Amino acid sequence: MSDSAYAWFEREQQNRGIDVTQVKERLNALKIETPSWGYADQGTRFRTFKRADAARTVREKLEDAAAVHRFTGACPDVAIHIPWDHADDFGKLAADAKSLGIGIGAVNPNLFQDDEYMLGSVTNADPAVRARAVEHLLACVDIARATGSKALSLWFADGTNYPGQGDFRQRKAWMEESLRTMYAALDADMRMLIEYKFFEPGFYHTDLADWGMAYNLAQKLGPKAEVLVDTGHHPQGTNIEHIVAYLLDEGRLGGFHFNARKYADDDLIVGSANPYELFLIFAQIALAERDANPIVRRTAERIAYMIDQSHNIEAKIPAMIRSVMNVQTQYAKALLVDWNAVAEAQRAGDVLEAEAAVREAFEQNVTPLLQAVREEAGLPADPMAAYKQSGYAERIWNARSAAVAPL
């Protein structure tokens, strides 16, 4: 990195009234989980294109996640999906991860792939199926305990395709009943992150269709239950930053999944299609991180961030590194918003000046800042370039293309 480039950046921000030292501290505090399934040949709606360098085993997923952390310094934990990441000894799995320099992040129960769940899992009309689903949720609590994980991330595919297929209110009651049983099994320091999705795979209705339903359920369950916002799980045109601000103010924003979408759901690299949206989301989080209300501030500071992408046509590890760098870029820009200027324009009713004050931060070149933060932490200034030069891609391609093994 050019010292002159960073010196110029620092002077410009000082002229804008921005404390660059505080910005650096907050950038260093940003940690993002990567998903184990993002390193494997995981499915999409059309087809999964196999790659010789994709992770085939849980161990290889951990190795790839550790590589991303080495180059970015921002991904100390890897989320696991059960049963995709089944282990005979989850304590050993956690030890293996630790030996690679990472930890186990959120545990994600899978209640959508088995035939028994065709008509729902915790909302299935068959009590035996519901009991099986709850048993799996409780098993995942035990897995979290064994691995040292403090978060369980819940997404349900439960829904219907046709009017009359299910009783909306009965299914709502079954959902709450099932999650109450799981909630009671959580340790005092564990969190249940409740995710929602507008549609798919149920096209008539989804049992947890929006943030309001997830929020209402979390409120009923108790303080260990929080809402998880996924960028790709909303109707087109949804103001996600408004949802984020609302949940922050209520102290209920527990997690955030990064991805990008053009139509249905996610799996594209975060920030690739609409970086301004990602910036505006982070602007609300950055504003909450400095809020006078300690509940709002603490909620913002403990958001569980995770990349939730299954890269299909792009190489897995570079795609993950690119995603992390895109997140860092937009968070850095959000930290440069001059909120005093915004507030002054708001008080004056000056719409254009208020919008300009926000947009000015988005238009800043934060590359010198991010390079300085990385170098000061002993990391590569350019994680992508460092990965390409490391030889890791060639090593795993040669090692994994020699044999094909099931996940």
Protein backbone atom coordinates (compact mmCIF):
# COMPACT_ATOMS: atom_id res chain seq x y z
CA MET A 1 0.00 0.00 0.00
CA SER A 2 1.19 3.52 -0.76
CA ASP A 3 1.82 5.51 2.43
CA SER A 4 0.90 8.67 0.55
CA ALA A 5 -2.46 7.18 -0.49
CA TYR A 6 -3.37 6.39 3.10
CA ALA A 7 -2.07 9.73 4.39
CA TRP A 8 -4.26 11.51 1.84
CA PHE A 9 -7.26 9.39 2.88
CA GLU A 10 -6.69 10.13 6.56
CA ARG A 11 -6.44 13.89 5.96
CA GLU A 12 -9.64 13.85 3.91
CA GLN A 13 -11.55 12.06 6.65
CA GLN A 14 -10.22 14.37 9.34
CA ASN A 15 -11.46 17.29 7.25
CA ARG A 16 -14.88 15.61 7.23
CA GLY A 17 -14.78 15.24 11.03
CA ILE A 18 -14.31 11.45 11.00
CA ASP A 19 -12.15 9.78 13.67
CA VAL A 20 -10.15 7.28 11.58
CA THR A 21 -8.73 5.57 14.67
CA GLN A 22 -12.23 4.60 15.80
CA VAL A 23 -13.07 3.45 12.29
CA LYS A 24 -10.05 1.14 12.31
CA GLU A 25 -11.03 -0.29 15.68
CA ARG A 26 -14.51 -1.15 14.45
CA LEU A 27 -13.18 -2.66 11.24
CA ASN A 28 -10.87 -4.89 13.26
CA ALA A 29 -13.83 -5.97 15.39
CA LEU A 30 -15.87 -7.11 12.38
CA LYS A 31 -15.96 -10.93 12.26
CA ILE A 32 -17.82 -12.95 9.65
CA GLU A 33 -18.55 -16.67 9.78
CA THR A 34 -18.20 -18.63 6.58
CA PRO A 35 -20.47 -21.63 5.87
CA SER A 36 -19.08 -25.13 5.61
CA TRP A 37 -21.50 -25.88 2.75
CA GLY A 38 -20.11 -22.95 0.75
CA TYR A 39 -16.89 -24.89 0.20
CA ALA A 40 -18.56 -28.03 -1.12
CA ASP A 41 -20.52 -28.93 -4.26
CA GLN A 42 -23.80 -27.75 -2.80
CA GLY A 43 -27.02 -27.48 -4.79
CA THR A 44 -28.87 -24.74 -6.63
CA ARG A 45 -32.28 -24.77 -8.29
CA PHE A 46 -31.05 -25.86 -11.71
CA ARG A 47 -27.92 -27.93 -11.40
CA THR A 48 -24.82 -28.29 -9.27
CA PHE A 49 -21.71 -28.09 -11.41
CA LYS A 50 -19.01 -30.28 -9.89
CA ARG A 51 -15.56 -28.86 -9.24
CA ALA A 52 -12.47 -30.98 -8.69
CA ASP A 53 -11.26 -28.60 -5.96
CA ALA A 54 -14.50 -28.54 -3.97
CA ALA A 55 -14.36 -29.88 -0.42
CA ARG A 56 -15.58 -33.47 -0.18
CA THR A 57 -15.34 -34.09 3.54
CA VAL A 58 -15.98 -32.13 6.71
CA ARG A 59 -12.23 -31.95 7.30
CA GLU A 60 -11.67 -30.39 3.87
CA LYS A 61 -14.40 -27.85 4.53
CA LEU A 62 -12.61 -26.86 7.73
CA GLU A 63 -9.30 -26.58 5.89
CA ASP A 64 -10.81 -24.27 3.28
CA ALA A 65 -12.52 -22.14 5.92
CA ALA A 66 -9.20 -21.87 7.75
CA ALA A 67 -7.53 -20.74 4.52
CA VAL A 68 -10.08 -17.94 4.08
CA HIS A 69 -9.41 -16.83 7.65
CA ARG A 70 -5.64 -16.85 7.12
CA PHE A 71 -5.90 -14.51 4.16
CA THR A 72 -8.64 -12.21 5.47
CA GLY A 73 -8.19 -12.36 9.25
CA ALA A 74 -11.93 -11.76 9.54
CA CYS A 75 -13.44 -15.27 9.56
CA PRO A 76 -12.46 -17.05 12.78
CA ASP A 77 -15.50 -19.37 12.82
CA VAL A 78 -17.15 -21.74 10.39
CA ALA A 79 -20.88 -22.50 10.54
CA ILE A 80 -21.90 -26.14 10.26
CA HIS A 81 -25.03 -27.75 8.84
CA ILE A 82 -26.44 -30.93 10.35
CA PRO A 83 -26.50 -33.66 9.02
CA TRP A 84 -24.31 -32.41 6.15
CA ASP A 85 -21.45 -32.02 8.64
CA HIS A 86 -22.14 -35.08 10.73
CA ALA A 87 -19.31 -36.29 12.97
CA ASP A 88 -19.12 -39.29 15.24
CA ASP A 89 -17.40 -37.07 17.81
CA PHE A 90 -18.29 -33.39 17.68
CA GLY A 91 -15.82 -32.58 20.41
CA LYS A 92 -13.10 -33.88 18.13
CA LEU A 93 -14.56 -31.85 15.25
CA ALA A 94 -14.18 -28.72 17.35
CA ALA A 95 -10.63 -29.74 18.24
CA ASP A 96 -9.81 -30.28 14.57
CA ALA A 97 -11.13 -26.82 13.77
CA LYS A 98 -9.08 -25.32 16.60
CA SER A 99 -5.93 -27.03 15.31
CA LEU A 100 -6.50 -25.21 12.01
CA GLY A 101 -6.89 -21.84 13.74
CA ILE A 102 -10.67 -21.51 13.60
CA GLY A 103 -13.71 -22.36 15.72
CA ILE A 104 -17.20 -23.73 15.17
CA GLY A 105 -19.81 -21.03 14.64
CA ALA A 106 -23.57 -21.37 14.32
CA VAL A 107 -25.12 -24.83 14.17
CA ASN A 108 -27.75 -25.06 11.41
CA PRO A 109 -30.34 -27.86 11.74
CA ASN A 110 -31.55 -29.34 8.46
CA LEU A 111 -35.30 -29.93 8.40
CA PHE A 112 -35.96 -29.81 4.67
CA GLN A 113 -34.18 -32.59 2.80
CA ASP A 114 -35.77 -35.81 4.09
CA ASP A 115 -38.84 -37.34 2.44
CA GLU A 116 -40.77 -37.19 5.71
CA TYR A 117 -40.60 -33.39 5.56
CA MET A 118 -42.33 -33.05 2.18
CA LEU A 119 -45.40 -31.54 3.90
CA GLY A 120 -43.49 -29.79 6.65
CA SER A 121 -41.31 -30.52 9.64
CA VAL A 122 -42.34 -28.76 12.87
CA THR A 123 -45.65 -27.80 11.24
CA ASN A 124 -46.43 -31.22 9.77
CA ALA A 125 -49.93 -32.56 10.48
CA ASP A 126 -48.36 -35.90 11.47
CA PRO A 127 -47.33 -35.75 15.15
CA ALA A 128 -44.65 -38.39 14.55
CA VAL A 129 -42.97 -36.16 11.95
CA ARG A 130 -43.16 -33.17 14.26
CA ALA A 131 -41.62 -35.24 17.06
CA ARG A 132 -38.79 -36.29 14.76
CA ALA A 133 -38.15 -32.68 13.79
CA VAL A 134 -38.01 -31.58 17.43
CA GLU A 135 -35.67 -34.47 18.22
CA HIS A 136 -33.32 -33.18 15.52
CA LEU A 137 -33.48 -29.64 16.93
CA LEU A 138 -32.61 -30.93 20.39
CA ALA A 139 -29.75 -33.01 18.95
CA CYS A 140 -28.38 -29.83 17.37
CA VAL A 141 -28.45 -28.11 20.78
CA ASP A 142 -26.28 -30.98 22.06
CA ILE A 143 -23.97 -30.54 19.06
CA ALA A 144 -23.66 -26.83 19.80
CA ARG A 145 -22.77 -27.69 23.39
CA ALA A 146 -20.15 -30.23 22.29
CA THR A 147 -18.52 -27.87 19.78
CA GLY A 148 -18.63 -24.75 21.93
CA SER A 149 -21.07 -23.02 19.60
CA LYS A 150 -23.31 -20.38 21.13
CA ALA A 151 -25.78 -19.95 18.27
CA LEU A 152 -28.35 -22.13 16.55
CA SER A 153 -29.53 -20.75 13.24
CA LEU A 154 -33.03 -21.88 12.28
CA TRP A 155 -34.54 -21.79 8.81
CA PHE A 156 -37.66 -23.78 8.02
CA ALA A 157 -38.84 -24.78 4.55
CA ASP A 158 -42.30 -25.37 6.03
CA GLY A 159 -45.15 -23.97 3.94
CA THR A 160 -47.87 -24.97 1.49
CA ASN A 161 -48.45 -24.77 -2.25
CA TYR A 162 -52.26 -24.69 -2.38
CA PRO A 163 -55.22 -23.15 -0.53
CA GLY A 164 -56.63 -25.64 1.93
CA GLN A 165 -53.44 -27.69 2.09
CA GLY A 166 -52.80 -26.65 5.68
CA ASP A 167 -54.42 -24.84 8.59
CA PHE A 168 -52.49 -21.58 8.98
CA ARG A 169 -53.26 -21.05 12.65
CA GLN A 170 -52.75 -24.67 13.63
CA ARG A 171 -49.38 -24.72 11.90
CA LYS A 172 -48.46 -21.50 13.71
CA ALA A 173 -49.28 -23.18 17.02
CA TRP A 174 -47.19 -26.25 16.15
CA MET A 175 -44.24 -24.04 15.19
CA GLU A 176 -44.36 -22.21 18.50
CA GLU A 177 -44.79 -25.42 20.48
CA SER A 178 -41.77 -27.05 18.81
CA LEU A 179 -39.50 -24.06 19.27
CA ARG A 180 -40.53 -23.70 22.90
CA THR A 181 -39.24 -27.22 23.50
CA MET A 182 -35.95 -26.35 21.82
CA TYR A 183 -35.70 -23.02 23.63
CA ALA A 184 -36.02 -24.76 26.99
CA ALA A 185 -33.00 -26.92 26.13
CA LEU A 186 -30.68 -23.98 25.38
CA ASP A 187 -27.87 -23.10 27.76
CA ALA A 188 -28.02 -19.68 29.38
CA ASP A 189 -25.39 -18.27 26.98
CA MET A 190 -26.85 -19.77 23.79
CA ARG A 191 -28.91 -17.91 21.19
CA MET A 192 -31.65 -19.11 18.87
CA LEU A 193 -31.56 -17.14 15.61
CA ILE A 194 -34.91 -17.37 13.80
CA GLU A 195 -34.70 -16.87 10.04
CA TYR A 196 -37.63 -16.10 7.75
CA LYS A 197 -38.25 -16.29 4.00
CA PHE A 198 -40.88 -14.67 1.84
CA PHE A 199 -41.50 -17.75 -0.32
CA GLU A 200 -39.98 -21.02 -1.54
CA PRO A 201 -40.25 -23.93 -1.47
CA GLY A 202 -43.86 -23.29 -0.43
CA PHE A 203 -45.32 -21.01 -3.09
CA TYR A 204 -48.75 -20.39 -1.55
CA HIS A 205 -47.59 -19.61 1.97
CA THR A 206 -44.53 -19.93 4.16
CA ASP A 207 -44.96 -20.52 7.88
CA LEU A 208 -42.28 -17.93 8.75
CA ALA A 209 -42.67 -15.55 5.84
CA ASP A 210 -41.32 -12.25 7.13
CA TRP A 211 -39.44 -10.47 9.90
CA GLY A 212 -42.64 -9.66 11.79
CA MET A 213 -43.55 -13.32 12.19
CA ALA A 214 -40.00 -14.17 13.29
CA TYR A 215 -39.96 -11.21 15.69
CA ASN A 216 -43.31 -12.16 17.19
CA LEU A 217 -42.12 -15.71 17.75
CA ALA A 218 -38.86 -14.53 19.31
CA GLN A 219 -40.79 -12.23 21.66
CA LYS A 220 -42.96 -15.12 22.80
CA LEU A 221 -40.03 -17.47 23.34
CA GLY A 222 -37.81 -15.16 25.39
CA PRO A 223 -34.57 -13.14 25.33
CA LYS A 224 -32.42 -15.97 23.97
CA ALA A 225 -34.48 -15.95 20.73
CA GLU A 226 -33.62 -13.32 18.12
CA VAL A 227 -34.34 -12.61 14.46
CA LEU A 228 -31.95 -13.51 11.66
CA VAL A 229 -32.13 -11.33 8.53
CA ASP A 230 -31.02 -12.86 5.21
CA THR A 231 -30.43 -10.45 2.33
CA GLY A 232 -32.07 -12.80 -0.16
CA HIS A 233 -35.27 -13.69 1.69
CA HIS A 234 -37.47 -10.71 0.90
CA PRO A 235 -39.90 -9.56 -1.79
CA GLN A 236 -38.36 -7.42 -4.51
CA GLY A 237 -37.91 -3.81 -3.47
CA THR A 238 -38.02 -4.51 0.27
CA ASN A 239 -36.27 -1.87 2.36
CA ILE A 240 -34.02 -4.23 4.30
CA GLU A 241 -32.19 -1.43 6.10
CA HIS A 242 -35.53 -0.34 7.59
CA ILE A 243 -36.10 -3.86 8.95
CA VAL A 244 -32.57 -3.86 10.35
CA ALA A 245 -33.11 -0.50 12.07
CA TYR A 246 -36.43 -1.63 13.56
CA LEU A 247 -34.99 -4.86 14.96
CA LEU A 248 -31.95 -3.04 16.32
CA ASP A 249 -34.22 -0.61 18.13
CA GLU A 250 -36.14 -3.53 19.63
CA GLY A 251 -32.94 -5.29 20.67
CA ARG A 252 -33.85 -8.35 18.58
CA LEU A 253 -31.49 -8.39 15.60
CA GLY A 254 -29.44 -11.49 16.33
CA GLY A 255 -27.92 -12.49 13.01
CA PHE A 256 -27.36 -11.44 9.43
CA HIS A 257 -26.74 -13.66 6.41
CA PHE A 258 -24.87 -12.13 3.48
CA ASN A 259 -25.59 -12.95 -0.15
CA ALA A 260 -27.07 -11.22 -3.19
CA ARG A 261 -30.09 -11.84 -5.39
CA LYS A 262 -31.66 -10.68 -8.57
CA TYR A 263 -34.91 -12.64 -8.23
CA ALA A 264 -35.42 -15.71 -6.06
CA ASP A 265 -33.30 -16.15 -2.96
CA ASP A 266 -29.56 -15.98 -2.69
CA ASP A 267 -26.30 -17.82 -3.55
CA LEU A 268 -24.69 -14.89 -5.36
CA ILE A 269 -21.69 -13.02 -3.98
CA VAL A 270 -22.77 -10.35 -1.53
CA GLY A 271 -22.50 -6.82 -2.85
CA SER A 272 -22.13 -8.01 -6.44
CA ALA A 273 -25.48 -6.71 -7.67
CA ASN A 274 -26.47 -3.92 -5.29
CA PRO A 275 -23.54 -2.69 -3.16
CA TYR A 276 -25.46 0.46 -2.19
CA GLU A 277 -28.10 -1.67 -0.44
CA LEU A 278 -25.38 -3.43 1.56
CA PHE A 279 -23.88 -0.04 2.45
CA LEU A 280 -27.25 1.31 3.61
CA ILE A 281 -27.81 -1.77 5.78
CA PHE A 282 -24.42 -1.28 7.39
CA ALA A 283 -25.11 2.43 7.81
CA GLN A 284 -28.00 1.57 10.12
CA ILE A 285 -25.82 -0.89 12.04
CA ALA A 286 -22.95 1.61 12.32
CA LEU A 287 -25.37 4.24 13.60
CA ALA A 288 -26.71 1.80 16.21
CA GLU A 289 -23.15 0.94 17.32
CA ARG A 290 -22.81 4.52 18.60
CA ASP A 291 -26.31 4.80 20.05
CA ALA A 292 -26.78 6.23 23.53
CA ASN A 293 -29.14 3.36 24.39
CA PRO A 294 -26.95 0.49 25.70
CA ILE A 295 -29.45 -2.16 24.53
CA VAL A 296 -29.39 -0.88 20.96
CA ARG A 297 -25.61 -0.52 21.03
CA ARG A 298 -25.06 -4.01 22.45
CA THR A 299 -27.46 -5.54 19.94
CA ALA A 300 -25.52 -3.96 17.07
CA GLU A 301 -22.17 -5.05 18.46
CA ARG A 302 -23.11 -8.73 18.86
CA ILE A 303 -24.78 -9.41 15.51
CA ALA A 304 -23.76 -12.87 14.25
CA TYR A 305 -22.61 -12.22 10.67
CA MET A 306 -22.36 -15.09 8.23
CA ILE A 307 -21.82 -15.56 4.50
CA ASP A 308 -24.68 -17.76 3.25
CA GLN A 309 -23.73 -18.62 -0.31
CA SER A 310 -23.38 -21.83 -2.30
CA HIS A 311 -21.09 -20.87 -5.15
CA ASN A 312 -21.99 -22.85 -8.24
CA ILE A 313 -20.11 -21.48 -11.28
CA GLU A 314 -17.28 -19.75 -9.46
CA ALA A 315 -14.37 -21.20 -7.49
CA LYS A 316 -15.40 -21.63 -3.87
CA ILE A 317 -12.56 -20.07 -1.89
CA PRO A 318 -11.96 -16.99 -4.07
CA ALA A 319 -15.72 -16.38 -4.07
CA MET A 320 -15.72 -16.49 -0.28
CA ILE A 321 -12.74 -14.14 -0.07
CA ARG A 322 -14.43 -11.75 -2.49
CA SER A 323 -17.59 -11.83 -0.37
CA VAL A 324 -15.67 -11.01 2.80
CA MET A 325 -13.84 -8.15 1.09
CA ASN A 326 -17.12 -6.75 -0.26
CA VAL A 327 -18.60 -6.80 3.24
CA GLN A 328 -15.54 -5.07 4.68
CA THR A 329 -15.68 -2.43 1.95
CA GLN A 330 -19.30 -1.46 2.56
CA TYR A 331 -18.92 -1.56 6.34
CA ALA A 332 -15.90 0.71 6.06
CA LYS A 333 -17.88 3.18 3.96
CA ALA A 334 -20.77 3.05 6.43
CA LEU A 335 -18.37 4.00 9.22
CA LEU A 336 -17.53 7.17 7.30
CA VAL A 337 -21.06 8.63 7.33
CA ASP A 338 -21.06 12.09 8.91
CA TRP A 339 -24.12 11.61 11.11
CA ASN A 340 -23.89 15.14 12.46
CA ALA A 341 -24.33 16.47 8.93
CA VAL A 342 -27.20 14.05 8.36
CA ALA A 343 -28.94 15.11 11.57
CA GLU A 344 -28.50 18.79 10.78
CA ALA A 345 -30.08 18.34 7.36
CA GLN A 346 -32.92 16.32 8.89
CA ARG A 347 -33.66 19.06 11.42
CA ALA A 348 -33.69 21.62 8.64
CA GLY A 349 -36.00 19.46 6.52
CA ASP A 350 -33.39 19.52 3.75
CA VAL A 351 -34.05 16.25 1.94
CA LEU A 352 -31.31 16.62 -0.67
CA GLU A 353 -28.60 17.52 1.83
CA ALA A 354 -29.54 14.61 4.10
CA GLU A 355 -29.35 12.16 1.20
CA ALA A 356 -26.10 13.71 -0.04
CA ALA A 357 -24.49 13.36 3.39
CA VAL A 358 -25.22 9.61 3.35
CA ARG A 359 -24.19 9.15 -0.29
CA GLU A 360 -20.92 11.03 0.25
CA ALA A 361 -19.69 8.22 2.49
CA PHE A 362 -20.64 5.58 -0.09
CA GLU A 363 -18.56 7.38 -2.71
CA GLN A 364 -15.38 7.34 -0.59
CA ASN A 365 -12.45 5.20 -1.77
CA VAL A 366 -11.74 3.00 1.25
CA THR A 367 -9.09 0.81 -0.36
CA PRO A 368 -6.18 2.65 1.37
CA LEU A 369 -7.99 2.34 4.70
CA LEU A 370 -8.63 -1.40 4.37
CA GLN A 371 -5.09 -2.07 3.20
CA ALA A 372 -3.72 -0.15 6.19
CA VAL A 373 -5.96 -2.05 8.63
CA ARG A 374 -4.85 -5.40 7.19
CA GLU A 375 -1.17 -4.57 7.15
CA GLU A 376 -1.27 -3.27 10.72
CA ALA A 377 -2.82 -6.60 11.72
CA GLY A 378 -0.06 -8.54 9.94
CA LEU A 379 -2.36 -9.60 7.10
CA PRO A 380 -1.96 -9.34 3.33
CA ALA A 381 -3.03 -5.93 2.06
CA ASP A 382 -4.84 -7.73 -0.79
CA PRO A 383 -6.25 -11.08 0.44
CA MET A 384 -7.29 -12.19 -3.05
CA ALA A 385 -3.86 -11.59 -4.54
CA ALA A 386 -2.22 -13.33 -1.60
CA TYR A 387 -4.47 -16.36 -2.04
CA LYS A 388 -3.69 -16.60 -5.75
CA GLN A 389 0.03 -16.44 -5.03
CA SER A 390 -0.06 -18.91 -2.14
CA GLY A 391 -0.35 -22.10 -4.18
CA TYR A 392 -3.27 -23.33 -2.04
CA ALA A 393 -5.62 -23.49 -5.04
CA GLU A 394 -3.21 -25.68 -7.00
CA ARG A 395 -2.57 -27.94 -4.01
CA ILE A 396 -6.22 -28.71 -3.32
CA TRP A 397 -6.98 -29.11 -7.03
CA ASN A 398 -4.25 -31.71 -7.40
CA ALA A 399 -5.08 -33.50 -4.15
CA ARG A 400 -8.86 -33.60 -4.60
CA SER A 401 -9.03 -34.29 -8.31
CA ALA A 402 -7.17 -37.53 -7.73
CA ALA A 403 -10.27 -39.10 -6.19
CA VAL A 404 -13.94 -38.33 -5.78
CA ALA A 405 -15.55 -39.05 -2.41
CA PRO A 406 -19.09 -38.33 -1.19
CA LEU A 407 -19.71 -35.45 1.22
